[in-house]
Amino acid sequence: MNTNDMPATNLLQSAFPDQMALLAGTLAHLSNYMHTGCQRSVHRARLLLHRMDHQPTFDRDLLDSCRMLEQEITKAWAAPQQA
Protein backbone atom coordinates (compact mmCIF):
# COMPACT_ATOMS: atom_id res chain seq x y z
CA MET A 1 0.00 0.00 0.00
CA ASN A 2 1.32 3.40 -0.95
CA THR A 3 1.51 5.97 1.91
CA ASN A 4 -0.50 8.33 -0.30
CA ASP A 5 -3.38 5.83 -0.11
CA MET A 6 -3.35 5.67 3.71
CA PRO A 7 -5.83 7.74 5.68
CA ALA A 8 -4.19 10.78 7.32
CA THR A 9 -4.87 9.46 10.82
CA ASN A 10 -3.09 6.16 10.16
CA LEU A 11 -0.17 7.95 8.53
CA LEU A 12 0.23 10.22 11.55
CA GLN A 13 -0.04 7.33 13.98
CA SER A 14 2.59 5.29 12.19
CA ALA A 15 4.96 8.21 11.65
CA PHE A 16 4.69 9.78 15.10
CA PRO A 17 3.40 7.26 17.67
CA ASP A 18 5.05 9.05 20.60
CA GLN A 19 3.55 12.38 19.56
CA MET A 20 0.11 10.86 19.19
CA ALA A 21 0.39 9.32 22.66
CA LEU A 22 1.41 12.68 24.16
CA LEU A 23 -1.42 14.45 22.38
CA ALA A 24 -3.96 11.83 23.43
CA GLY A 25 -2.75 12.00 27.03
CA THR A 26 -2.92 15.79 27.08
CA LEU A 27 -6.45 15.81 25.72
CA ALA A 28 -7.53 13.09 28.14
CA HIS A 29 -6.22 15.05 31.12
CA LEU A 30 -7.81 18.28 29.89
CA SER A 31 -11.10 16.46 29.38
CA ASN A 32 -10.94 15.02 32.89
CA TYR A 33 -10.23 18.49 34.27
CA MET A 34 -13.26 19.86 32.40
CA HIS A 35 -15.52 17.17 33.83
CA THR A 36 -14.21 17.05 37.38
CA GLY A 37 -12.15 20.16 38.06
CA CYS A 38 -9.31 17.91 39.20
CA GLN A 39 -6.20 20.07 39.61
CA ARG A 40 -3.95 17.04 39.17
CA SER A 41 -5.36 16.51 35.67
CA VAL A 42 -4.62 20.05 34.53
CA HIS A 43 -1.17 19.82 36.11
CA ARG A 44 -0.45 16.62 34.18
CA ALA A 45 -1.74 18.19 30.96
CA ARG A 46 0.69 21.07 31.49
CA LEU A 47 3.54 18.63 32.07
CA LEU A 48 2.72 16.88 28.79
CA LEU A 49 2.54 20.22 26.97
CA HIS A 50 5.95 21.09 28.40
CA ARG A 51 7.27 17.76 27.17
CA MET A 52 5.87 18.42 23.70
CA ASP A 53 7.59 21.82 23.71
CA HIS A 54 10.91 20.02 23.83
CA GLN A 55 10.22 17.76 20.87
CA PRO A 56 11.42 19.67 17.82
CA THR A 57 9.39 17.52 15.42
CA PHE A 58 6.06 18.23 17.10
CA ASP A 59 3.72 20.32 14.98
CA ARG A 60 3.88 23.89 16.36
CA ASP A 61 0.36 24.83 15.23
CA LEU A 62 -1.12 21.81 16.97
CA LEU A 63 0.89 22.51 20.11
CA ASP A 64 -0.24 26.16 20.10
CA SER A 65 -3.86 25.01 19.76
CA CYS A 66 -3.49 22.63 22.70
CA ARG A 67 -1.91 25.35 24.80
CA MET A 68 -4.72 27.81 23.98
CA LEU A 69 -7.29 25.14 24.85
CA GLU A 70 -5.59 24.49 28.19
CA GLN A 71 -5.50 28.22 28.99
CA GLU A 72 -9.16 28.74 28.12
CA ILE A 73 -10.28 25.73 30.15
CA THR A 74 -8.25 26.91 33.12
CA LYS A 75 -9.76 30.41 32.87
CA ALA A 76 -13.28 29.04 32.59
CA TRP A 77 -12.87 26.88 35.70
CA ALA A 78 -11.13 29.63 37.69
CA ALA A 79 -13.80 32.28 37.02
CA PRO A 80 -16.66 30.64 38.99
CA GLN A 81 -14.34 29.84 41.87
CA GLN A 82 -13.28 33.51 42.18
CA ALA A 83 -16.86 34.79 42.24
PDB file of N, CA and C in Angstrom:
ATOM      1  N   MET A   1       0.843  -1.178   0.000  1.00  0.00           N
ATOM      2  CA  MET A   1       0.000   0.000   0.000  1.00  0.00           C
ATOM      3  C   MET A   1       0.885   1.237   0.000  1.00  0.00           C
ATOM      4  N   ASN A   2       0.612   2.141  -0.854  1.00  0.00           N
ATOM      5  CA  ASN A   2       1.325   3.399  -0.952  1.00  0.00           C
ATOM      6  C   ASN A   2       0.910   4.304   0.210  1.00  0.00           C
ATOM      7  N   THR A   3       1.859   5.073   0.790  1.00  0.00           N
ATOM      8  CA  THR A   3       1.510   5.965   1.905  1.00  0.00           C
ATOM      9  C   THR A   3       0.528   7.044   1.479  1.00  0.00           C
ATOM     10  N   ASN A   4       0.467   7.343   0.183  1.00  0.00           N
ATOM     11  CA  ASN A   4      -0.502   8.332  -0.296  1.00  0.00           C
ATOM     12  C   ASN A   4      -1.927   7.800  -0.222  1.00  0.00           C
ATOM     13  N   ASP A   5      -2.070   6.459  -0.190  1.00  0.00           N
ATOM     14  CA  ASP A   5      -3.383   5.833  -0.115  1.00  0.00           C
ATOM     15  C   ASP A   5      -3.872   5.655   1.317  1.00  0.00           C
ATOM     16  N   MET A   6      -2.987   5.862   2.295  1.00  0.00           N
ATOM     17  CA  MET A   6      -3.347   5.670   3.706  1.00  0.00           C
ATOM     18  C   MET A   6      -4.145   6.863   4.214  1.00  0.00           C
ATOM     19  N   PRO A   7      -5.133   6.620   5.056  1.00  0.00           N
ATOM     20  CA  PRO A   7      -5.830   7.738   5.676  1.00  0.00           C
ATOM     21  C   PRO A   7      -4.844   8.564   6.504  1.00  0.00           C
ATOM     22  N   ALA A   8      -5.100   9.869   6.613  1.00  0.00           N
ATOM     23  CA  ALA A   8      -4.190  10.775   7.315  1.00  0.00           C
ATOM     24  C   ALA A   8      -3.958  10.349   8.756  1.00  0.00           C
ATOM     25  N   THR A   9      -4.996   9.868   9.423  1.00  0.00           N
ATOM     26  CA  THR A   9      -4.865   9.455  10.820  1.00  0.00           C
ATOM     27  C   THR A   9      -3.882   8.305  10.949  1.00  0.00           C
ATOM     28  N   ASN A  10      -4.001   7.298  10.101  1.00  0.00           N
ATOM     29  CA  ASN A  10      -3.095   6.158  10.158  1.00  0.00           C
ATOM     30  C   ASN A  10      -1.667   6.572   9.843  1.00  0.00           C
ATOM     31  N   LEU A  11      -1.494   7.479   8.888  1.00  0.00           N
ATOM     32  CA  LEU A  11      -0.173   7.948   8.528  1.00  0.00           C
ATOM     33  C   LEU A  11       0.466   8.675   9.709  1.00  0.00           C
ATOM     34  N   LEU A  12      -0.294   9.520  10.378  1.00  0.00           N
ATOM     35  CA  LEU A  12       0.231  10.220  11.555  1.00  0.00           C
ATOM     36  C   LEU A  12       0.578   9.248  12.664  1.00  0.00           C
ATOM     37  N   GLN A  13      -0.284   8.292  12.909  1.00  0.00           N
ATOM     38  CA  GLN A  13      -0.039   7.334  13.984  1.00  0.00           C
ATOM     39  C   GLN A  13       1.199   6.503  13.717  1.00  0.00           C
ATOM     40  N   SER A  14       1.418   6.104  12.477  1.00  0.00           N
ATOM     41  CA  SER A  14       2.590   5.287  12.190  1.00  0.00           C
ATOM     42  C   SER A  14       3.862   6.121  12.167  1.00  0.00           C
ATOM     43  N   ALA A  15       3.777   7.371  11.742  1.00  0.00           N
ATOM     44  CA  ALA A  15       4.958   8.214  11.649  1.00  0.00           C
ATOM     45  C   ALA A  15       5.366   8.790  12.997  1.00  0.00           C
ATOM     46  N   PHE A  16       4.406   9.094  13.851  1.00  0.00           N
ATOM     47  CA  PHE A  16       4.693   9.780  15.098  1.00  0.00           C
ATOM     48  C   PHE A  16       3.940   9.158  16.272  1.00  0.00           C
ATOM     49  N   PRO A  17       4.185   7.902  16.590  1.00  0.00           N
ATOM     50  CA  PRO A  17       3.405   7.265  17.668  1.00  0.00           C
ATOM     51  C   PRO A  17       3.604   7.942  19.020  1.00  0.00           C
ATOM     52  N   ASP A  18       4.819   8.388  19.325  1.00  0.00           N
ATOM     53  CA  ASP A  18       5.054   9.054  20.605  1.00  0.00           C
ATOM     54  C   ASP A  18       4.293  10.374  20.684  1.00  0.00           C
ATOM     55  N   GLN A  19       4.272  11.101  19.587  1.00  0.00           N
ATOM     56  CA  GLN A  19       3.552  12.375  19.563  1.00  0.00           C
ATOM     57  C   GLN A  19       2.058  12.164  19.722  1.00  0.00           C
ATOM     58  N   MET A  20       1.533  11.136  19.073  1.00  0.00           N
ATOM     59  CA  MET A  20       0.108  10.859  19.189  1.00  0.00           C
ATOM     60  C   MET A  20      -0.245  10.461  20.618  1.00  0.00           C
ATOM     61  N   ALA A  21       0.632   9.714  21.269  1.00  0.00           N
ATOM     62  CA  ALA A  21       0.390   9.321  22.657  1.00  0.00           C
ATOM     63  C   ALA A  21       0.415  10.545  23.572  1.00  0.00           C
ATOM     64  N   LEU A  22       1.358  11.452  23.355  1.00  0.00           N
ATOM     65  CA  LEU A  22       1.413  12.675  24.158  1.00  0.00           C
ATOM     66  C   LEU A  22       0.170  13.532  23.943  1.00  0.00           C
ATOM     67  N   LEU A  23      -0.233  13.664  22.694  1.00  0.00           N
ATOM     68  CA  LEU A  23      -1.417  14.452  22.382  1.00  0.00           C
ATOM     69  C   LEU A  23      -2.663  13.827  22.997  1.00  0.00           C
ATOM     70  N   ALA A  24      -2.801  12.520  22.860  1.00  0.00           N
ATOM     71  CA  ALA A  24      -3.963  11.832  23.429  1.00  0.00           C
ATOM     72  C   ALA A  24      -3.978  11.971  24.946  1.00  0.00           C
ATOM     73  N   GLY A  25      -2.829  11.843  25.573  1.00  0.00           N
ATOM     74  CA  GLY A  25      -2.747  12.001  27.026  1.00  0.00           C
ATOM     75  C   GLY A  25      -3.104  13.406  27.475  1.00  0.00           C
ATOM     76  N   THR A  26      -2.616  14.395  26.746  1.00  0.00           N
ATOM     77  CA  THR A  26      -2.921  15.790  27.077  1.00  0.00           C
ATOM     78  C   THR A  26      -4.416  16.050  26.986  1.00  0.00           C
ATOM     79  N   LEU A  27      -5.015  15.604  25.900  1.00  0.00           N
ATOM     80  CA  LEU A  27      -6.451  15.815  25.722  1.00  0.00           C
ATOM     81  C   LEU A  27      -7.267  15.048  26.761  1.00  0.00           C
ATOM     82  N   ALA A  28      -6.824  13.866  27.121  1.00  0.00           N
ATOM     83  CA  ALA A  28      -7.528  13.088  28.141  1.00  0.00           C
ATOM     84  C   ALA A  28      -7.481  13.802  29.490  1.00  0.00           C
ATOM     85  N   HIS A  29      -6.329  14.337  29.849  1.00  0.00           N
ATOM     86  CA  HIS A  29      -6.217  15.051  31.122  1.00  0.00           C
ATOM     87  C   HIS A  29      -7.028  16.349  31.110  1.00  0.00           C
ATOM     88  N   LEU A  30      -7.005  17.063  29.987  1.00  0.00           N
ATOM     89  CA  LEU A  30      -7.810  18.284  29.887  1.00  0.00           C
ATOM     90  C   LEU A  30      -9.299  17.959  29.972  1.00  0.00           C
ATOM     91  N   SER A  31      -9.701  16.882  29.325  1.00  0.00           N
ATOM     92  CA  SER A  31     -11.101  16.464  29.383  1.00  0.00           C
ATOM     93  C   SER A  31     -11.509  16.106  30.809  1.00  0.00           C
ATOM     94  N   ASN A  32     -10.647  15.374  31.504  1.00  0.00           N
ATOM     95  CA  ASN A  32     -10.940  15.021  32.894  1.00  0.00           C
ATOM     96  C   ASN A  32     -11.050  16.282  33.756  1.00  0.00           C
ATOM     97  N   TYR A  33     -10.170  17.228  33.532  1.00  0.00           N
ATOM     98  CA  TYR A  33     -10.230  18.492  34.268  1.00  0.00           C
ATOM     99  C   TYR A  33     -11.552  19.214  34.006  1.00  0.00           C
ATOM    100  N   MET A  34     -11.998  19.206  32.742  1.00  0.00           N
ATOM    101  CA  MET A  34     -13.259  19.859  32.398  1.00  0.00           C
ATOM    102  C   MET A  34     -14.438  19.202  33.106  1.00  0.00           C
ATOM    103  N   HIS A  35     -14.408  17.904  33.235  1.00  0.00           N
ATOM    104  CA  HIS A  35     -15.522  17.173  33.834  1.00  0.00           C
ATOM    105  C   HIS A  35     -15.501  17.179  35.357  1.00  0.00           C
ATOM    106  N   THR A  36     -14.305  17.213  35.937  1.00  0.00           N
ATOM    107  CA  THR A  36     -14.210  17.051  37.384  1.00  0.00           C
ATOM    108  C   THR A  36     -13.604  18.237  38.118  1.00  0.00           C
ATOM    109  N   GLY A  37     -12.856  19.070  37.398  1.00  0.00           N
ATOM    110  CA  GLY A  37     -12.154  20.164  38.056  1.00  0.00           C
ATOM    111  C   GLY A  37     -10.897  19.705  38.785  1.00  0.00           C
ATOM    112  N   CYS A  38     -10.467  18.490  38.525  1.00  0.00           N
ATOM    113  CA  CYS A  38      -9.307  17.908  39.203  1.00  0.00           C
ATOM    114  C   CYS A  38      -8.030  18.682  38.835  1.00  0.00           C
ATOM    115  N   GLN A  39      -7.422  19.293  39.840  1.00  0.00           N
ATOM    116  CA  GLN A  39      -6.205  20.066  39.611  1.00  0.00           C
ATOM    117  C   GLN A  39      -5.045  19.186  39.145  1.00  0.00           C
ATOM    118  N   ARG A  40      -5.017  17.959  39.590  1.00  0.00           N
ATOM    119  CA  ARG A  40      -3.951  17.042  39.166  1.00  0.00           C
ATOM    120  C   ARG A  40      -4.014  16.814  37.655  1.00  0.00           C
ATOM    121  N   SER A  41      -5.223  16.735  37.108  1.00  0.00           N
ATOM    122  CA  SER A  41      -5.363  16.514  35.668  1.00  0.00           C
ATOM    123  C   SER A  41      -4.815  17.679  34.867  1.00  0.00           C
ATOM    124  N   VAL A  42      -5.132  18.892  35.278  1.00  0.00           N
ATOM    125  CA  VAL A  42      -4.624  20.048  34.530  1.00  0.00           C
ATOM    126  C   VAL A  42      -3.115  20.162  34.716  1.00  0.00           C
ATOM    127  N   HIS A  43      -2.616  19.800  35.885  1.00  0.00           N
ATOM    128  CA  HIS A  43      -1.169  19.818  36.111  1.00  0.00           C
ATOM    129  C   HIS A  43      -0.480  18.823  35.180  1.00  0.00           C
ATOM    130  N   ARG A  44      -1.043  17.625  35.070  1.00  0.00           N
ATOM    131  CA  ARG A  44      -0.454  16.619  34.184  1.00  0.00           C
ATOM    132  C   ARG A  44      -0.536  17.045  32.721  1.00  0.00           C
ATOM    133  N   ALA A  45      -1.630  17.683  32.331  1.00  0.00           N
ATOM    134  CA  ALA A  45      -1.743  18.187  30.959  1.00  0.00           C
ATOM    135  C   ALA A  45      -0.642  19.211  30.688  1.00  0.00           C
ATOM    136  N   ARG A  46      -0.383  20.074  31.662  1.00  0.00           N
ATOM    137  CA  ARG A  46       0.686  21.071  31.492  1.00  0.00           C
ATOM    138  C   ARG A  46       2.052  20.399  31.384  1.00  0.00           C
ATOM    139  N   LEU A  47       2.274  19.353  32.163  1.00  0.00           N
ATOM    140  CA  LEU A  47       3.541  18.627  32.067  1.00  0.00           C
ATOM    141  C   LEU A  47       3.719  18.015  30.676  1.00  0.00           C
ATOM    142  N   LEU A  48       2.640  17.461  30.139  1.00  0.00           N
ATOM    143  CA  LEU A  48       2.724  16.882  28.793  1.00  0.00           C
ATOM    144  C   LEU A  48       2.948  17.959  27.741  1.00  0.00           C
ATOM    145  N   LEU A  49       2.303  19.114  27.901  1.00  0.00           N
ATOM    146  CA  LEU A  49       2.536  20.223  26.973  1.00  0.00           C
ATOM    147  C   LEU A  49       3.998  20.663  27.033  1.00  0.00           C
ATOM    148  N   HIS A  50       4.545  20.723  28.236  1.00  0.00           N
ATOM    149  CA  HIS A  50       5.950  21.092  28.395  1.00  0.00           C
ATOM    150  C   HIS A  50       6.842  20.069  27.694  1.00  0.00           C
ATOM    151  N   ARG A  51       6.501  18.810  27.841  1.00  0.00           N
ATOM    152  CA  ARG A  51       7.274  17.755  27.174  1.00  0.00           C
ATOM    153  C   ARG A  51       7.201  17.899  25.659  1.00  0.00           C
ATOM    154  N   MET A  52       6.017  18.237  25.145  1.00  0.00           N
ATOM    155  CA  MET A  52       5.865  18.423  23.702  1.00  0.00           C
ATOM    156  C   MET A  52       6.674  19.624  23.213  1.00  0.00           C
ATOM    157  N   ASP A  53       6.793  20.642  24.067  1.00  0.00           N
ATOM    158  CA  ASP A  53       7.588  21.820  23.711  1.00  0.00           C
ATOM    159  C   ASP A  53       9.028  21.449  23.380  1.00  0.00           C
ATOM    160  N   HIS A  54       9.509  20.405  23.996  1.00  0.00           N
ATOM    161  CA  HIS A  54      10.906  20.018  23.834  1.00  0.00           C
ATOM    162  C   HIS A  54      11.122  18.944  22.778  1.00  0.00           C
ATOM    163  N   GLN A  55      10.088  18.677  22.001  1.00  0.00           N
ATOM    164  CA  GLN A  55      10.223  17.755  20.868  1.00  0.00           C
ATOM    165  C   GLN A  55      10.199  18.589  19.592  1.00  0.00           C
ATOM    166  N   PRO A  56      11.341  18.771  18.970  1.00  0.00           N
ATOM    167  CA  PRO A  56      11.419  19.675  17.818  1.00  0.00           C
ATOM    168  C   PRO A  56      10.558  19.247  16.635  1.00  0.00           C
ATOM    169  N   THR A  57      10.182  17.972  16.567  1.00  0.00           N
ATOM    170  CA  THR A  57       9.391  17.517  15.423  1.00  0.00           C
ATOM    171  C   THR A  57       7.893  17.695  15.634  1.00  0.00           C
ATOM    172  N   PHE A  58       7.489  18.100  16.831  1.00  0.00           N
ATOM    173  CA  PHE A  58       6.058  18.234  17.097  1.00  0.00           C
ATOM    174  C   PHE A  58       5.504  19.443  16.353  1.00  0.00           C
ATOM    175  N   ASP A  59       4.357  19.269  15.766  1.00  0.00           N
ATOM    176  CA  ASP A  59       3.715  20.324  14.982  1.00  0.00           C
ATOM    177  C   ASP A  59       3.426  21.538  15.861  1.00  0.00           C
ATOM    178  N   ARG A  60       4.010  22.659  15.543  1.00  0.00           N
ATOM    179  CA  ARG A  60       3.883  23.891  16.357  1.00  0.00           C
ATOM    180  C   ARG A  60       2.443  24.404  16.384  1.00  0.00           C
ATOM    181  N   ASP A  61       1.749  24.353  15.262  1.00  0.00           N
ATOM    182  CA  ASP A  61       0.363  24.833  15.230  1.00  0.00           C
ATOM    183  C   ASP A  61      -0.527  23.997  16.144  1.00  0.00           C
ATOM    184  N   LEU A  62      -0.342  22.694  16.114  1.00  0.00           N
ATOM    185  CA  LEU A  62      -1.124  21.812  16.973  1.00  0.00           C
ATOM    186  C   LEU A  62      -0.793  22.061  18.439  1.00  0.00           C
ATOM    187  N   LEU A  63       0.473  22.238  18.740  1.00  0.00           N
ATOM    188  CA  LEU A  63       0.895  22.514  20.109  1.00  0.00           C
ATOM    189  C   LEU A  63       0.322  23.845  20.591  1.00  0.00           C
ATOM    190  N   ASP A  64       0.346  24.864  19.736  1.00  0.00           N
ATOM    191  CA  ASP A  64      -0.245  26.160  20.097  1.00  0.00           C
ATOM    192  C   ASP A  64      -1.740  26.028  20.364  1.00  0.00           C
ATOM    193  N   SER A  65      -2.419  25.228  19.551  1.00  0.00           N
ATOM    194  CA  SER A  65      -3.858  25.012  19.755  1.00  0.00           C
ATOM    195  C   SER A  65      -4.129  24.317  21.081  1.00  0.00           C
ATOM    196  N   CYS A  66      -3.332  23.328  21.416  1.00  0.00           N
ATOM    197  CA  CYS A  66      -3.493  22.628  22.700  1.00  0.00           C
ATOM    198  C   CYS A  66      -3.248  23.576  23.860  1.00  0.00           C
ATOM    199  N   ARG A  67      -2.235  24.402  23.736  1.00  0.00           N
ATOM    200  CA  ARG A  67      -1.913  25.347  24.797  1.00  0.00           C
ATOM    201  C   ARG A  67      -3.044  26.368  24.982  1.00  0.00           C
ATOM    202  N   MET A  68      -3.600  26.859  23.880  1.00  0.00           N
ATOM    203  CA  MET A  68      -4.723  27.807  23.984  1.00  0.00           C
ATOM    204  C   MET A  68      -5.930  27.133  24.622  1.00  0.00           C
ATOM    205  N   LEU A  69      -6.189  25.888  24.265  1.00  0.00           N
ATOM    206  CA  LEU A  69      -7.292  25.139  24.853  1.00  0.00           C
ATOM    207  C   LEU A  69      -7.091  25.001  26.355  1.00  0.00           C
ATOM    208  N   GLU A  70      -5.893  24.633  26.766  1.00  0.00           N
ATOM    209  CA  GLU A  70      -5.591  24.487  28.192  1.00  0.00           C
ATOM    210  C   GLU A  70      -5.798  25.810  28.925  1.00  0.00           C
ATOM    211  N   GLN A  71      -5.358  26.908  28.346  1.00  0.00           N
ATOM    212  CA  GLN A  71      -5.503  28.216  28.985  1.00  0.00           C
ATOM    213  C   GLN A  71      -6.968  28.616  29.115  1.00  0.00           C
ATOM    214  N   GLU A  72      -7.749  28.377  28.082  1.00  0.00           N
ATOM    215  CA  GLU A  72      -9.162  28.741  28.123  1.00  0.00           C
ATOM    216  C   GLU A  72      -9.928  27.893  29.132  1.00  0.00           C
ATOM    217  N   ILE A  73      -9.624  26.609  29.183  1.00  0.00           N
ATOM    218  CA  ILE A  73     -10.284  25.732  30.151  1.00  0.00           C
ATOM    219  C   ILE A  73      -9.946  26.172  31.564  1.00  0.00           C
ATOM    220  N   THR A  74      -8.677  26.475  31.804  1.00  0.00           N
ATOM    221  CA  THR A  74      -8.247  26.910  33.124  1.00  0.00           C
ATOM    222  C   THR A  74      -8.951  28.204  33.523  1.00  0.00           C
ATOM    223  N   LYS A  75      -9.057  29.145  32.596  1.00  0.00           N
ATOM    224  CA  LYS A  75      -9.760  30.413  32.874  1.00  0.00           C
ATOM    225  C   LYS A  75     -11.228  30.159  33.187  1.00  0.00           C
ATOM    226  N   ALA A  76     -11.853  29.308  32.401  1.00  0.00           N
ATOM    227  CA  ALA A  76     -13.285  29.037  32.588  1.00  0.00           C
ATOM    228  C   ALA A  76     -13.556  28.410  33.946  1.00  0.00           C
ATOM    229  N   TRP A  77     -12.676  27.519  34.395  1.00  0.00           N
ATOM    230  CA  TRP A  77     -12.865  26.882  35.699  1.00  0.00           C
ATOM    231  C   TRP A  77     -12.521  27.828  36.838  1.00  0.00           C
ATOM    232  N   ALA A  78     -11.561  28.717  36.629  1.00  0.00           N
ATOM    233  CA  ALA A  78     -11.132  29.629  37.688  1.00  0.00           C
ATOM    234  C   ALA A  78     -12.159  30.723  37.927  1.00  0.00           C
ATOM    235  N   ALA A  79     -12.865  31.167  36.895  1.00  0.00           N
ATOM    236  CA  ALA A  79     -13.803  32.281  37.024  1.00  0.00           C
ATOM    237  C   ALA A  79     -14.915  32.005  38.044  1.00  0.00           C
ATOM    238  N   PRO A  80     -15.623  30.874  38.009  1.00  0.00           N
ATOM    239  CA  PRO A  80     -16.662  30.638  38.994  1.00  0.00           C
ATOM    240  C   PRO A  80     -16.121  30.504  40.419  1.00  0.00           C
ATOM    241  N   GLN A  81     -14.915  30.017  40.546  1.00  0.00           N
ATOM    242  CA  GLN A  81     -14.337  29.843  41.875  1.00  0.00           C
ATOM    243  C   GLN A  81     -13.942  31.172  42.514  1.00  0.00           C
ATOM    244  N   GLN A  82     -13.665  32.179  41.677  1.00  0.00           N
ATOM    245  CA  GLN A  82     -13.281  33.506  42.178  1.00  0.00           C
ATOM    246  C   GLN A  82     -14.486  34.328  42.553  1.00  0.00           C
ATOM    247  N   ALA A  83     -15.644  33.998  41.993  1.00  0.00           N
ATOM    248  CA  ALA A  83     -16.858  34.792  42.243  1.00  0.00           C
ATOM    249  C   ALA A  83     -17.455  34.531  43.612  1.00  0.00           C
TER     250      ALA A  83
END
